[in-house]
Amino acid sequence: MTKHTIFVFMGLIGCSLTAGCSSSSSSGSGFTCDIKTSAYEYCEDYSNLPSADQSAVSSECTAAKGTAGTSCPTANALGSCAVSAGGISYSSTYYKSTGFTAAEAQMACTGGGGKWTAG
């Protein structure tokens, strides 16, 4: 699996991979999932995750070896990608890692229909 495929796939870890996500418009609290491996790091920030979905998304975060929290780290960020899927909006922040550049992160973001913000 290439790093482009990894980031497009992993950027959709939230509702799109969780069965039974609510389409409710009620907003829950902020929720983040920071995933670090030896090859890459990225963090997903759900700003309007319905309370009914937090448990399922938290389980997906844990299954992906992520750390749940309320904010994404800012140190070494390449940029972020705003995405909407399944009625949920979230932003994925990508970080400097071996062999991964801001241009590659931007290409993966925009190729998947997201809006890229540098830094």
PDB file of N, CA and C in Angstrom:
ATOM      1  N   MET A   1       0.854  -1.169   0.000  1.00  0.00           N
ATOM      2  CA  MET A   1       0.000   0.000   0.000  1.00  0.00           C
ATOM      3  C   MET A   1       0.900   1.232   0.000  1.00  0.00           C
ATOM      4  N   THR A   2       0.672   2.176  -0.896  1.00  0.00           N
ATOM      5  CA  THR A   2       1.491   3.373  -0.958  1.00  0.00           C
ATOM      6  C   THR A   2       1.057   4.364   0.099  1.00  0.00           C
ATOM      7  N   LYS A   3       1.923   5.339   0.379  1.00  0.00           N
ATOM      8  CA  LYS A   3       1.556   6.320   1.398  1.00  0.00           C
ATOM      9  C   LYS A   3       0.360   7.151   0.971  1.00  0.00           C
ATOM     10  N   HIS A   4       0.167   7.387  -0.349  1.00  0.00           N
ATOM     11  CA  HIS A   4      -1.018   8.125  -0.802  1.00  0.00           C
ATOM     12  C   HIS A   4      -2.273   7.330  -0.464  1.00  0.00           C
ATOM     13  N   THR A   5      -2.253   6.053  -0.732  1.00  0.00           N
ATOM     14  CA  THR A   5      -3.402   5.202  -0.442  1.00  0.00           C
ATOM     15  C   THR A   5      -3.654   5.145   1.054  1.00  0.00           C
ATOM     16  N   ILE A   6      -2.602   5.045   1.840  1.00  0.00           N
ATOM     17  CA  ILE A   6      -2.738   4.996   3.290  1.00  0.00           C
ATOM     18  C   ILE A   6      -3.447   6.238   3.790  1.00  0.00           C
ATOM     19  N   PHE A   7      -3.024   7.413   3.368  1.00  0.00           N
ATOM     20  CA  PHE A   7      -3.615   8.626   3.891  1.00  0.00           C
ATOM     21  C   PHE A   7      -5.031   8.849   3.398  1.00  0.00           C
ATOM     22  N   VAL A   8      -5.347   8.495   2.178  1.00  0.00           N
ATOM     23  CA  VAL A   8      -6.720   8.621   1.716  1.00  0.00           C
ATOM     24  C   VAL A   8      -7.595   7.646   2.491  1.00  0.00           C
ATOM     25  N   PHE A   9      -7.135   6.405   2.662  1.00  0.00           N
ATOM     26  CA  PHE A   9      -7.881   5.413   3.414  1.00  0.00           C
ATOM     27  C   PHE A   9      -8.014   5.825   4.880  1.00  0.00           C
ATOM     28  N   MET A  10      -6.924   6.161   5.509  1.00  0.00           N
ATOM     29  CA  MET A  10      -6.944   6.489   6.921  1.00  0.00           C
ATOM     30  C   MET A  10      -7.702   7.783   7.193  1.00  0.00           C
ATOM     31  N   GLY A  11      -7.719   8.684   6.239  1.00  0.00           N
ATOM     32  CA  GLY A  11      -8.470   9.918   6.407  1.00  0.00           C
ATOM     33  C   GLY A  11      -9.963   9.696   6.473  1.00  0.00           C
ATOM     34  N   LEU A  12     -10.402   8.497   6.146  1.00  0.00           N
ATOM     35  CA  LEU A  12     -11.821   8.169   6.174  1.00  0.00           C
ATOM     36  C   LEU A  12     -12.167   7.218   7.308  1.00  0.00           C
ATOM     37  N   ILE A  13     -11.334   7.164   8.339  1.00  0.00           N
ATOM     38  CA  ILE A  13     -11.514   6.210   9.421  1.00  0.00           C
ATOM     39  C   ILE A  13     -12.801   6.444  10.209  1.00  0.00           C
ATOM     40  N   GLY A  14     -13.295   7.629  10.263  1.00  0.00           N
ATOM     41  CA  GLY A  14     -14.451   7.975  11.085  1.00  0.00           C
ATOM     42  C   GLY A  14     -15.706   7.238  10.687  1.00  0.00           C
ATOM     43  N   CYS A  15     -16.752   7.967  10.424  1.00  0.00           N
ATOM     44  CA  CYS A  15     -18.052   7.380  10.141  1.00  0.00           C
ATOM     45  C   CYS A  15     -18.039   6.429   8.971  1.00  0.00           C
ATOM     46  N   SER A  16     -17.235   6.676   7.970  1.00  0.00           N
ATOM     47  CA  SER A  16     -17.271   5.833   6.788  1.00  0.00           C
ATOM     48  C   SER A  16     -16.849   4.400   7.079  1.00  0.00           C
ATOM     49  N   LEU A  17     -16.100   4.156   8.146  1.00  0.00           N
ATOM     50  CA  LEU A  17     -15.692   2.806   8.496  1.00  0.00           C
ATOM     51  C   LEU A  17     -16.454   2.263   9.692  1.00  0.00           C
ATOM     52  N   THR A  18     -17.319   3.075  10.267  1.00  0.00           N
ATOM     53  CA  THR A  18     -18.027   2.675  11.459  1.00  0.00           C
ATOM     54  C   THR A  18     -19.481   2.409  11.124  1.00  0.00           C
ATOM     55  N   ALA A  19     -19.908   1.194  11.278  1.00  0.00           N
ATOM     56  CA  ALA A  19     -21.292   0.851  10.975  1.00  0.00           C
ATOM     57  C   ALA A  19     -22.222   1.566  11.938  1.00  0.00           C
ATOM     58  N   GLY A  20     -23.316   2.046  11.415  1.00  0.00           N
ATOM     59  CA  GLY A  20     -24.338   2.632  12.261  1.00  0.00           C
ATOM     60  C   GLY A  20     -24.103   4.065  12.651  1.00  0.00           C
ATOM     61  N   CYS A  21     -23.311   4.831  11.930  1.00  0.00           N
ATOM     62  CA  CYS A  21     -23.117   6.230  12.272  1.00  0.00           C
ATOM     63  C   CYS A  21     -24.418   6.991  12.103  1.00  0.00           C
ATOM     64  N   SER A  22     -24.666   7.871  13.008  1.00  0.00           N
ATOM     65  CA  SER A  22     -25.883   8.660  12.978  1.00  0.00           C
ATOM     66  C   SER A  22     -25.796   9.759  11.937  1.00  0.00           C
ATOM     67  N   SER A  23     -26.934  10.068  11.329  1.00  0.00           N
ATOM     68  CA  SER A  23     -26.976  11.204  10.411  1.00  0.00           C
ATOM     69  C   SER A  23     -27.618  12.391  11.105  1.00  0.00           C
ATOM     70  N   SER A  24     -27.778  12.298  12.405  1.00  0.00           N
ATOM     71  CA  SER A  24     -28.384  13.348  13.199  1.00  0.00           C
ATOM     72  C   SER A  24     -27.571  14.631  13.102  1.00  0.00           C
ATOM     73  N   SER A  25     -28.280  15.765  13.140  1.00  0.00           N
ATOM     74  CA  SER A  25     -27.583  17.039  13.047  1.00  0.00           C
ATOM     75  C   SER A  25     -27.178  17.563  14.411  1.00  0.00           C
ATOM     76  N   SER A  26     -27.530  16.862  15.494  1.00  0.00           N
ATOM     77  CA  SER A  26     -27.133  17.332  16.810  1.00  0.00           C
ATOM     78  C   SER A  26     -25.627  17.214  16.955  1.00  0.00           C
ATOM     79  N   SER A  27     -25.024  18.257  17.486  1.00  0.00           N
ATOM     80  CA  SER A  27     -23.571  18.232  17.570  1.00  0.00           C
ATOM     81  C   SER A  27     -23.124  17.779  18.947  1.00  0.00           C
ATOM     82  N   GLY A  28     -22.064  17.021  18.967  1.00  0.00           N
ATOM     83  CA  GLY A  28     -21.464  16.583  20.215  1.00  0.00           C
ATOM     84  C   GLY A  28     -20.251  17.448  20.498  1.00  0.00           C
ATOM     85  N   SER A  29     -19.451  16.996  21.447  1.00  0.00           N
ATOM     86  CA  SER A  29     -18.243  17.749  21.782  1.00  0.00           C
ATOM     87  C   SER A  29     -17.140  17.434  20.794  1.00  0.00           C
ATOM     88  N   GLY A  30     -16.081  18.220  20.808  1.00  0.00           N
ATOM     89  CA  GLY A  30     -14.932  17.966  19.943  1.00  0.00           C
ATOM     90  C   GLY A  30     -14.264  16.655  20.317  1.00  0.00           C
ATOM     91  N   PHE A  31     -13.729  15.968  19.326  1.00  0.00           N
ATOM     92  CA  PHE A  31     -13.076  14.683  19.545  1.00  0.00           C
ATOM     93  C   PHE A  31     -11.930  14.576  18.562  1.00  0.00           C
ATOM     94  N   THR A  32     -10.763  14.141  19.024  1.00  0.00           N
ATOM     95  CA  THR A  32      -9.631  13.948  18.131  1.00  0.00           C
ATOM     96  C   THR A  32      -9.060  12.546  18.293  1.00  0.00           C
ATOM     97  N   CYS A  33      -8.402  12.095  17.232  1.00  0.00           N
ATOM     98  CA  CYS A  33      -7.701  10.814  17.252  1.00  0.00           C
ATOM     99  C   CYS A  33      -6.337  11.039  16.612  1.00  0.00           C
ATOM    100  N   ASP A  34      -5.279  10.912  17.411  1.00  0.00           N
ATOM    101  CA  ASP A  34      -3.916  11.113  16.939  1.00  0.00           C
ATOM    102  C   ASP A  34      -3.277   9.746  16.718  1.00  0.00           C
ATOM    103  N   ILE A  35      -2.893   9.463  15.466  1.00  0.00           N
ATOM    104  CA  ILE A  35      -2.321   8.164  15.120  1.00  0.00           C
ATOM    105  C   ILE A  35      -0.867   8.352  14.707  1.00  0.00           C
ATOM    106  N   LYS A  36       0.034   7.670  15.429  1.00  0.00           N
ATOM    107  CA  LYS A  36       1.471   7.748  15.149  1.00  0.00           C
ATOM    108  C   LYS A  36       1.994   6.344  14.896  1.00  0.00           C
ATOM    109  N   THR A  37       2.775   6.210  13.832  1.00  0.00           N
ATOM    110  CA  THR A  37       3.504   4.967  13.579  1.00  0.00           C
ATOM    111  C   THR A  37       4.937   5.360  13.261  1.00  0.00           C
ATOM    112  N   SER A  38       5.778   4.390  13.001  1.00  0.00           N
ATOM    113  CA  SER A  38       7.153   4.710  12.630  1.00  0.00           C
ATOM    114  C   SER A  38       7.207   5.357  11.249  1.00  0.00           C
ATOM    115  N   ALA A  39       6.172   5.194  10.434  1.00  0.00           N
ATOM    116  CA  ALA A  39       6.173   5.719   9.066  1.00  0.00           C
ATOM    117  C   ALA A  39       5.436   7.048   8.915  1.00  0.00           C
ATOM    118  N   TYR A  40       4.435   7.331   9.751  1.00  0.00           N
ATOM    119  CA  TYR A  40       3.636   8.543   9.580  1.00  0.00           C
ATOM    120  C   TYR A  40       2.903   8.909  10.863  1.00  0.00           C
ATOM    121  N   GLU A  41       2.386  10.136  10.888  1.00  0.00           N
ATOM    122  CA  GLU A  41       1.491  10.592  11.947  1.00  0.00           C
ATOM    123  C   GLU A  41       0.427  11.460  11.319  1.00  0.00           C
ATOM    124  N   TYR A  42      -0.792  11.283  11.751  1.00  0.00           N
ATOM    125  CA  TYR A  42      -1.865  12.196  11.396  1.00  0.00           C
ATOM    126  C   TYR A  42      -2.870  12.217  12.537  1.00  0.00           C
ATOM    127  N   CYS A  43      -3.664  13.274  12.587  1.00  0.00           N
ATOM    128  CA  CYS A  43      -4.636  13.445  13.657  1.00  0.00           C
ATOM    129  C   CYS A  43      -5.947  13.911  13.052  1.00  0.00           C
ATOM    130  N   GLU A  44      -7.040  13.256  13.407  1.00  0.00           N
ATOM    131  CA  GLU A  44      -8.361  13.654  12.931  1.00  0.00           C
ATOM    132  C   GLU A  44      -9.080  14.425  14.021  1.00  0.00           C
ATOM    133  N   ASP A  45      -9.660  15.562  13.634  1.00  0.00           N
ATOM    134  CA  ASP A  45     -10.365  16.436  14.562  1.00  0.00           C
ATOM    135  C   ASP A  45     -11.818  16.544  14.114  1.00  0.00           C
ATOM    136  N   TYR A  46     -12.719  15.948  14.880  1.00  0.00           N
ATOM    137  CA  TYR A  46     -14.151  15.990  14.591  1.00  0.00           C
ATOM    138  C   TYR A  46     -14.759  17.136  15.390  1.00  0.00           C
ATOM    139  N   SER A  47     -15.203  18.173  14.707  1.00  0.00           N
ATOM    140  CA  SER A  47     -15.737  19.319  15.427  1.00  0.00           C
ATOM    141  C   SER A  47     -17.235  19.205  15.665  1.00  0.00           C
ATOM    142  N   ASN A  48     -17.934  18.381  14.907  1.00  0.00           N
ATOM    143  CA  ASN A  48     -19.385  18.261  15.066  1.00  0.00           C
ATOM    144  C   ASN A  48     -19.840  16.807  15.139  1.00  0.00           C
ATOM    145  N   LEU A  49     -19.073  15.984  15.799  1.00  0.00           N
ATOM    146  CA  LEU A  49     -19.408  14.572  15.920  1.00  0.00           C
ATOM    147  C   LEU A  49     -20.596  14.420  16.872  1.00  0.00           C
ATOM    148  N   PRO A  50     -21.703  13.844  16.389  1.00  0.00           N
ATOM    149  CA  PRO A  50     -22.853  13.640  17.275  1.00  0.00           C
ATOM    150  C   PRO A  50     -22.468  12.769  18.463  1.00  0.00           C
ATOM    151  N   SER A  51     -23.009  13.081  19.610  1.00  0.00           N
ATOM    152  CA  SER A  51     -22.708  12.329  20.830  1.00  0.00           C
ATOM    153  C   SER A  51     -22.957  10.842  20.646  1.00  0.00           C
ATOM    154  N   ALA A  52     -23.992  10.505  19.870  1.00  0.00           N
ATOM    155  CA  ALA A  52     -24.334   9.099  19.643  1.00  0.00           C
ATOM    156  C   ALA A  52     -23.228   8.345  18.903  1.00  0.00           C
ATOM    157  N   ASP A  53     -22.360   9.044  18.186  1.00  0.00           N
ATOM    158  CA  ASP A  53     -21.308   8.412  17.390  1.00  0.00           C
ATOM    159  C   ASP A  53     -19.944   8.396  18.068  1.00  0.00           C
ATOM    160  N   GLN A  54     -19.783   9.113  19.167  1.00  0.00           N
ATOM    161  CA  GLN A  54     -18.467   9.225  19.784  1.00  0.00           C
ATOM    162  C   GLN A  54     -17.892   7.879  20.214  1.00  0.00           C
ATOM    163  N   SER A  55     -18.700   7.006  20.752  1.00  0.00           N
ATOM    164  CA  SER A  55     -18.206   5.705  21.203  1.00  0.00           C
ATOM    165  C   SER A  55     -17.679   4.875  20.038  1.00  0.00           C
ATOM    166  N   ALA A  56     -18.420   4.859  18.924  1.00  0.00           N
ATOM    167  CA  ALA A  56     -17.999   4.076  17.754  1.00  0.00           C
ATOM    168  C   ALA A  56     -16.708   4.632  17.159  1.00  0.00           C
ATOM    169  N   VAL A  57     -16.609   5.953  17.049  1.00  0.00           N
ATOM    170  CA  VAL A  57     -15.413   6.565  16.479  1.00  0.00           C
ATOM    171  C   VAL A  57     -14.228   6.387  17.433  1.00  0.00           C
ATOM    172  N   SER A  58     -14.479   6.452  18.725  1.00  0.00           N
ATOM    173  CA  SER A  58     -13.423   6.209  19.711  1.00  0.00           C
ATOM    174  C   SER A  58     -12.892   4.782  19.593  1.00  0.00           C
ATOM    175  N   SER A  59     -13.782   3.821  19.370  1.00  0.00           N
ATOM    176  CA  SER A  59     -13.364   2.429  19.184  1.00  0.00           C
ATOM    177  C   SER A  59     -12.514   2.271  17.932  1.00  0.00           C
ATOM    178  N   GLU A  60     -12.904   2.946  16.830  1.00  0.00           N
ATOM    179  CA  GLU A  60     -12.116   2.909  15.590  1.00  0.00           C
ATOM    180  C   GLU A  60     -10.739   3.522  15.828  1.00  0.00           C
ATOM    181  N   CYS A  61     -10.690   4.600  16.606  1.00  0.00           N
ATOM    182  CA  CYS A  61      -9.416   5.255  16.923  1.00  0.00           C
ATOM    183  C   CYS A  61      -8.502   4.285  17.663  1.00  0.00           C
ATOM    184  N   THR A  62      -9.036   3.633  18.677  1.00  0.00           N
ATOM    185  CA  THR A  62      -8.256   2.676  19.458  1.00  0.00           C
ATOM    186  C   THR A  62      -7.799   1.506  18.593  1.00  0.00           C
ATOM    187  N   ALA A  63      -8.684   1.015  17.729  1.00  0.00           N
ATOM    188  CA  ALA A  63      -8.340  -0.106  16.846  1.00  0.00           C
ATOM    189  C   ALA A  63      -7.209   0.269  15.894  1.00  0.00           C
ATOM    190  N   ALA A  64      -7.114   1.554  15.524  1.00  0.00           N
ATOM    191  CA  ALA A  64      -6.059   2.031  14.624  1.00  0.00           C
ATOM    192  C   ALA A  64      -4.805   2.423  15.400  1.00  0.00           C
ATOM    193  N   LYS A  65      -4.750   2.060  16.686  1.00  0.00           N
ATOM    194  CA  LYS A  65      -3.616   2.364  17.568  1.00  0.00           C
ATOM    195  C   LYS A  65      -3.458   3.865  17.798  1.00  0.00           C
ATOM    196  N   GLY A  66      -4.612   4.583  17.786  1.00  0.00           N
ATOM    197  CA  GLY A  66      -4.602   6.026  17.995  1.00  0.00           C
ATOM    198  C   GLY A  66      -4.833   6.392  19.445  1.00  0.00           C
ATOM    199  N   THR A  67      -4.633   7.689  19.730  1.00  0.00           N
ATOM    200  CA  THR A  67      -4.869   8.238  21.054  1.00  0.00           C
ATOM    201  C   THR A  67      -6.004   9.242  20.955  1.00  0.00           C
ATOM    202  N   ALA A  68      -7.092   8.991  21.682  1.00  0.00           N
ATOM    203  CA  ALA A  68      -8.236   9.900  21.682  1.00  0.00           C
ATOM    204  C   ALA A  68      -7.916  11.124  22.528  1.00  0.00           C
ATOM    205  N   GLY A  69      -8.479  12.259  22.126  1.00  0.00           N
ATOM    206  CA  GLY A  69      -8.267  13.488  22.868  1.00  0.00           C
ATOM    207  C   GLY A  69      -9.247  14.556  22.448  1.00  0.00           C
ATOM    208  N   THR A  70      -8.902  15.820  22.748  1.00  0.00           N
ATOM    209  CA  THR A  70      -9.774  16.941  22.402  1.00  0.00           C
ATOM    210  C   THR A  70      -9.089  17.963  21.506  1.00  0.00           C
ATOM    211  N   SER A  71      -7.797  17.764  21.208  1.00  0.00           N
ATOM    212  CA  SER A  71      -7.108  18.659  20.273  1.00  0.00           C
ATOM    213  C   SER A  71      -5.943  17.925  19.626  1.00  0.00           C
ATOM    214  N   CYS A  72      -5.625  18.328  18.406  1.00  0.00           N
ATOM    215  CA  CYS A  72      -4.504  17.737  17.677  1.00  0.00           C
ATOM    216  C   CYS A  72      -3.221  18.508  17.967  1.00  0.00           C
ATOM    217  N   PRO A  73      -2.079  17.824  18.022  1.00  0.00           N
ATOM    218  CA  PRO A  73      -0.804  18.524  18.211  1.00  0.00           C
ATOM    219  C   PRO A  73      -0.531  19.466  17.032  1.00  0.00           C
ATOM    220  N   THR A  74       0.167  20.549  17.286  1.00  0.00           N
ATOM    221  CA  THR A  74       0.506  21.494  16.218  1.00  0.00           C
ATOM    222  C   THR A  74       1.970  21.400  15.804  1.00  0.00           C
ATOM    223  N   ALA A  75       2.820  20.838  16.654  1.00  0.00           N
ATOM    224  CA  ALA A  75       4.245  20.735  16.338  1.00  0.00           C
ATOM    225  C   ALA A  75       4.462  19.829  15.130  1.00  0.00           C
ATOM    226  N   ASN A  76       5.290  20.286  14.193  1.00  0.00           N
ATOM    227  CA  ASN A  76       5.674  19.540  12.995  1.00  0.00           C
ATOM    228  C   ASN A  76       4.538  19.271  12.013  1.00  0.00           C
ATOM    229  N   ALA A  77       3.462  20.053  12.084  1.00  0.00           N
ATOM    230  CA  ALA A  77       2.336  19.847  11.165  1.00  0.00           C
ATOM    231  C   ALA A  77       2.706  20.308   9.754  1.00  0.00           C
ATOM    232  N   LEU A  78       2.402  19.463   8.770  1.00  0.00           N
ATOM    233  CA  LEU A  78       2.569  19.830   7.358  1.00  0.00           C
ATOM    234  C   LEU A  78       1.377  20.643   6.884  1.00  0.00           C
ATOM    235  N   GLY A  79       0.197  20.322   7.387  1.00  0.00           N
ATOM    236  CA  GLY A  79      -1.034  20.991   7.002  1.00  0.00           C
ATOM    237  C   GLY A  79      -2.221  20.140   7.385  1.00  0.00           C
ATOM    238  N   SER A  80      -3.410  20.637   7.041  1.00  0.00           N
ATOM    239  CA  SER A  80      -4.612  19.896   7.378  1.00  0.00           C
ATOM    240  C   SER A  80      -5.553  19.830   6.187  1.00  0.00           C
ATOM    241  N   CYS A  81      -6.409  18.836   6.223  1.00  0.00           N
ATOM    242  CA  CYS A  81      -7.347  18.556   5.140  1.00  0.00           C
ATOM    243  C   CYS A  81      -8.756  18.499   5.715  1.00  0.00           C
ATOM    244  N   ALA A  82      -9.609  19.437   5.294  1.00  0.00           N
ATOM    245  CA  ALA A  82     -10.997  19.458   5.751  1.00  0.00           C
ATOM    246  C   ALA A  82     -11.835  18.577   4.830  1.00  0.00           C
ATOM    247  N   VAL A  83     -12.620  17.677   5.438  1.00  0.00           N
ATOM    248  CA  VAL A  83     -13.404  16.696   4.694  1.00  0.00           C
ATOM    249  C   VAL A  83     -14.784  16.568   5.330  1.00  0.00           C
ATOM    250  N   SER A  84     -15.780  16.287   4.504  1.00  0.00           N
ATOM    251  CA  SER A  84     -17.111  15.947   5.001  1.00  0.00           C
ATOM    252  C   SER A  84     -17.486  14.596   4.429  1.00  0.00           C
ATOM    253  N   ALA A  85     -17.950  13.699   5.288  1.00  0.00           N
ATOM    254  CA  ALA A  85     -18.374  12.364   4.846  1.00  0.00           C
ATOM    255  C   ALA A  85     -19.463  11.864   5.776  1.00  0.00           C
ATOM    256  N   GLY A  86     -20.513  11.332   5.217  1.00  0.00           N
ATOM    257  CA  GLY A  86     -21.578  10.757   6.023  1.00  0.00           C
ATOM    258  C   GLY A  86     -22.218  11.740   6.973  1.00  0.00           C
ATOM    259  N   GLY A  87     -22.270  13.023   6.602  1.00  0.00           N
ATOM    260  CA  GLY A  87     -22.877  14.039   7.449  1.00  0.00           C
ATOM    261  C   GLY A  87     -21.977  14.557   8.557  1.00  0.00           C
ATOM    262  N   ILE A  88     -20.736  14.070   8.620  1.00  0.00           N
ATOM    263  CA  ILE A  88     -19.787  14.494   9.645  1.00  0.00           C
ATOM    264  C   ILE A  88     -18.664  15.273   8.975  1.00  0.00           C
ATOM    265  N   SER A  89     -18.309  16.418   9.553  1.00  0.00           N
ATOM    266  CA  SER A  89     -17.173  17.192   9.050  1.00  0.00           C
ATOM    267  C   SER A  89     -16.000  16.983   9.990  1.00  0.00           C
ATOM    268  N   TYR A  90     -14.821  16.801   9.393  1.00  0.00           N
ATOM    269  CA  TYR A  90     -13.626  16.655  10.206  1.00  0.00           C
ATOM    270  C   TYR A  90     -12.424  17.178   9.449  1.00  0.00           C
ATOM    271  N   SER A  91     -11.367  17.387  10.195  1.00  0.00           N
ATOM    272  CA  SER A  91     -10.123  17.867   9.620  1.00  0.00           C
ATOM    273  C   SER A  91      -9.021  16.901  10.004  1.00  0.00           C
ATOM    274  N   SER A  92      -8.238  16.466   9.025  1.00  0.00           N
ATOM    275  CA  SER A  92      -7.098  15.589   9.275  1.00  0.00           C
ATOM    276  C   SER A  92      -5.828  16.412   9.176  1.00  0.00           C
ATOM    277  N   THR A  93      -5.025  16.402  10.244  1.00  0.00           N
ATOM    278  CA  THR A  93      -3.750  17.101  10.247  1.00  0.00           C
ATOM    279  C   THR A  93      -2.652  16.082   9.989  1.00  0.00           C
ATOM    280  N   TYR A  94      -1.762  16.399   9.050  1.00  0.00           N
ATOM    281  CA  TYR A  94      -0.653  15.517   8.689  1.00  0.00           C
ATOM    282  C   TYR A  94       0.650  16.121   9.188  1.00  0.00           C
ATOM    283  N   TYR A  95       1.591  15.267   9.569  1.00  0.00           N
ATOM    284  CA  TYR A  95       2.837  15.701  10.191  1.00  0.00           C
ATOM    285  C   TYR A  95       4.052  15.234   9.404  1.00  0.00           C
ATOM    286  N   LYS A  96       5.165  15.925   9.635  1.00  0.00           N
ATOM    287  CA  LYS A  96       6.419  15.547   8.976  1.00  0.00           C
ATOM    288  C   LYS A  96       6.782  14.126   9.384  1.00  0.00           C
ATOM    289  N   SER A  97       7.111  13.335   8.412  1.00  0.00           N
ATOM    290  CA  SER A  97       7.575  11.978   8.682  1.00  0.00           C
ATOM    291  C   SER A  97       8.551  11.594   7.584  1.00  0.00           C
ATOM    292  N   THR A  98       9.257  10.539   7.809  1.00  0.00           N
ATOM    293  CA  THR A  98      10.261  10.111   6.850  1.00  0.00           C
ATOM    294  C   THR A  98       9.654   9.904   5.475  1.00  0.00           C
ATOM    295  N   GLY A  99      10.141  10.657   4.490  1.00  0.00           N
ATOM    296  CA  GLY A  99       9.724  10.467   3.111  1.00  0.00           C
ATOM    297  C   GLY A  99       8.367  11.023   2.749  1.00  0.00           C
ATOM    298  N   PHE A 100       7.704  11.726   3.635  1.00  0.00           N
ATOM    299  CA  PHE A 100       6.376  12.275   3.326  1.00  0.00           C
ATOM    300  C   PHE A 100       6.459  13.791   3.320  1.00  0.00           C
ATOM    301  N   THR A 101       6.007  14.419   2.248  1.00  0.00           N
ATOM    302  CA  THR A 101       6.120  15.869   2.116  1.00  0.00           C
ATOM    303  C   THR A 101       4.745  16.541   2.173  1.00  0.00           C
ATOM    304  N   ALA A 102       4.760  17.862   2.356  1.00  0.00           N
ATOM    305  CA  ALA A 102       3.515  18.636   2.349  1.00  0.00           C
ATOM    306  C   ALA A 102       2.825  18.516   0.991  1.00  0.00           C
ATOM    307  N   ALA A 103       3.602  18.494  -0.086  1.00  0.00           N
ATOM    308  CA  ALA A 103       3.019  18.374  -1.425  1.00  0.00           C
ATOM    309  C   ALA A 103       2.291  17.043  -1.583  1.00  0.00           C
ATOM    310  N   GLU A 104       2.857  15.957  -1.040  1.00  0.00           N
ATOM    311  CA  GLU A 104       2.203  14.645  -1.117  1.00  0.00           C
ATOM    312  C   GLU A 104       0.919  14.631  -0.278  1.00  0.00           C
ATOM    313  N   ALA A 105       0.972  15.244   0.902  1.00  0.00           N
ATOM    314  CA  ALA A 105      -0.215  15.315   1.753  1.00  0.00           C
ATOM    315  C   ALA A 105      -1.308  16.122   1.073  1.00  0.00           C
ATOM    316  N   GLN A 106      -0.926  17.245   0.457  1.00  0.00           N
ATOM    317  CA  GLN A 106      -1.898  18.078  -0.244  1.00  0.00           C
ATOM    318  C   GLN A 106      -2.531  17.311  -1.404  1.00  0.00           C
ATOM    319  N   MET A 107      -1.721  16.572  -2.155  1.00  0.00           N
ATOM    320  CA  MET A 107      -2.228  15.812  -3.285  1.00  0.00           C
ATOM    321  C   MET A 107      -3.206  14.732  -2.810  1.00  0.00           C
ATOM    322  N   ALA A 108      -2.873  14.046  -1.715  1.00  0.00           N
ATOM    323  CA  ALA A 108      -3.772  13.026  -1.165  1.00  0.00           C
ATOM    324  C   ALA A 108      -5.078  13.657  -0.696  1.00  0.00           C
ATOM    325  N   CYS A 109      -4.990  14.833  -0.092  1.00  0.00           N
ATOM    326  CA  CYS A 109      -6.172  15.542   0.402  1.00  0.00           C
ATOM    327  C   CYS A 109      -7.091  15.957  -0.738  1.00  0.00           C
ATOM    328  N   THR A 110      -6.552  16.719  -1.665  1.00  0.00           N
ATOM    329  CA  THR A 110      -7.387  17.246  -2.743  1.00  0.00           C
ATOM    330  C   THR A 110      -7.855  16.146  -3.683  1.00  0.00           C
ATOM    331  N   GLY A 111      -7.058  15.091  -3.831  1.00  0.00           N
ATOM    332  CA  GLY A 111      -7.458  13.951  -4.655  1.00  0.00           C
ATOM    333  C   GLY A 111      -8.651  13.220  -4.061  1.00  0.00           C
ATOM    334  N   GLY A 112      -8.826  13.317  -2.759  1.00  0.00           N
ATOM    335  CA  GLY A 112      -9.958  12.693  -2.086  1.00  0.00           C
ATOM    336  C   GLY A 112     -11.120  13.644  -1.867  1.00  0.00           C
ATOM    337  N   GLY A 113     -11.036  14.848  -2.467  1.00  0.00           N
ATOM    338  CA  GLY A 113     -12.119  15.810  -2.371  1.00  0.00           C
ATOM    339  C   GLY A 113     -12.052  16.738  -1.174  1.00  0.00           C
ATOM    340  N   GLY A 114     -10.926  16.764  -0.466  1.00  0.00           N
ATOM    341  CA  GLY A 114     -10.780  17.629   0.698  1.00  0.00           C
ATOM    342  C   GLY A 114     -10.227  19.010   0.348  1.00  0.00           C
ATOM    343  N   LYS A 115     -10.292  19.910   1.329  1.00  0.00           N
ATOM    344  CA  LYS A 115      -9.739  21.262   1.180  1.00  0.00           C
ATOM    345  C   LYS A 115      -8.471  21.359   2.026  1.00  0.00           C
ATOM    346  N   TRP A 116      -7.329  21.618   1.363  1.00  0.00           N
ATOM    347  CA  TRP A 116      -6.017  21.647   2.011  1.00  0.00           C
ATOM    348  C   TRP A 116      -5.712  23.023   2.582  1.00  0.00           C
ATOM    349  N   THR A 117      -5.147  23.046   3.816  1.00  0.00           N
ATOM    350  CA  THR A 117      -4.630  24.263   4.437  1.00  0.00           C
ATOM    351  C   THR A 117      -3.215  23.957   4.893  1.00  0.00           C
ATOM    352  N   ALA A 118      -2.228  24.684   4.374  1.00  0.00           N
ATOM    353  CA  ALA A 118      -0.818  24.448   4.729  1.00  0.00           C
ATOM    354  C   ALA A 118      -0.550  24.839   6.175  1.00  0.00           C
ATOM    355  N   GLY A 119       0.457  24.144   6.755  1.00  0.00           N
ATOM    356  CA  GLY A 119       0.946  24.486   8.080  1.00  0.00           C
ATOM    357  C   GLY A 119       0.078  23.947   9.132  1.00  0.00           C
TER     358      GLY A 119
END
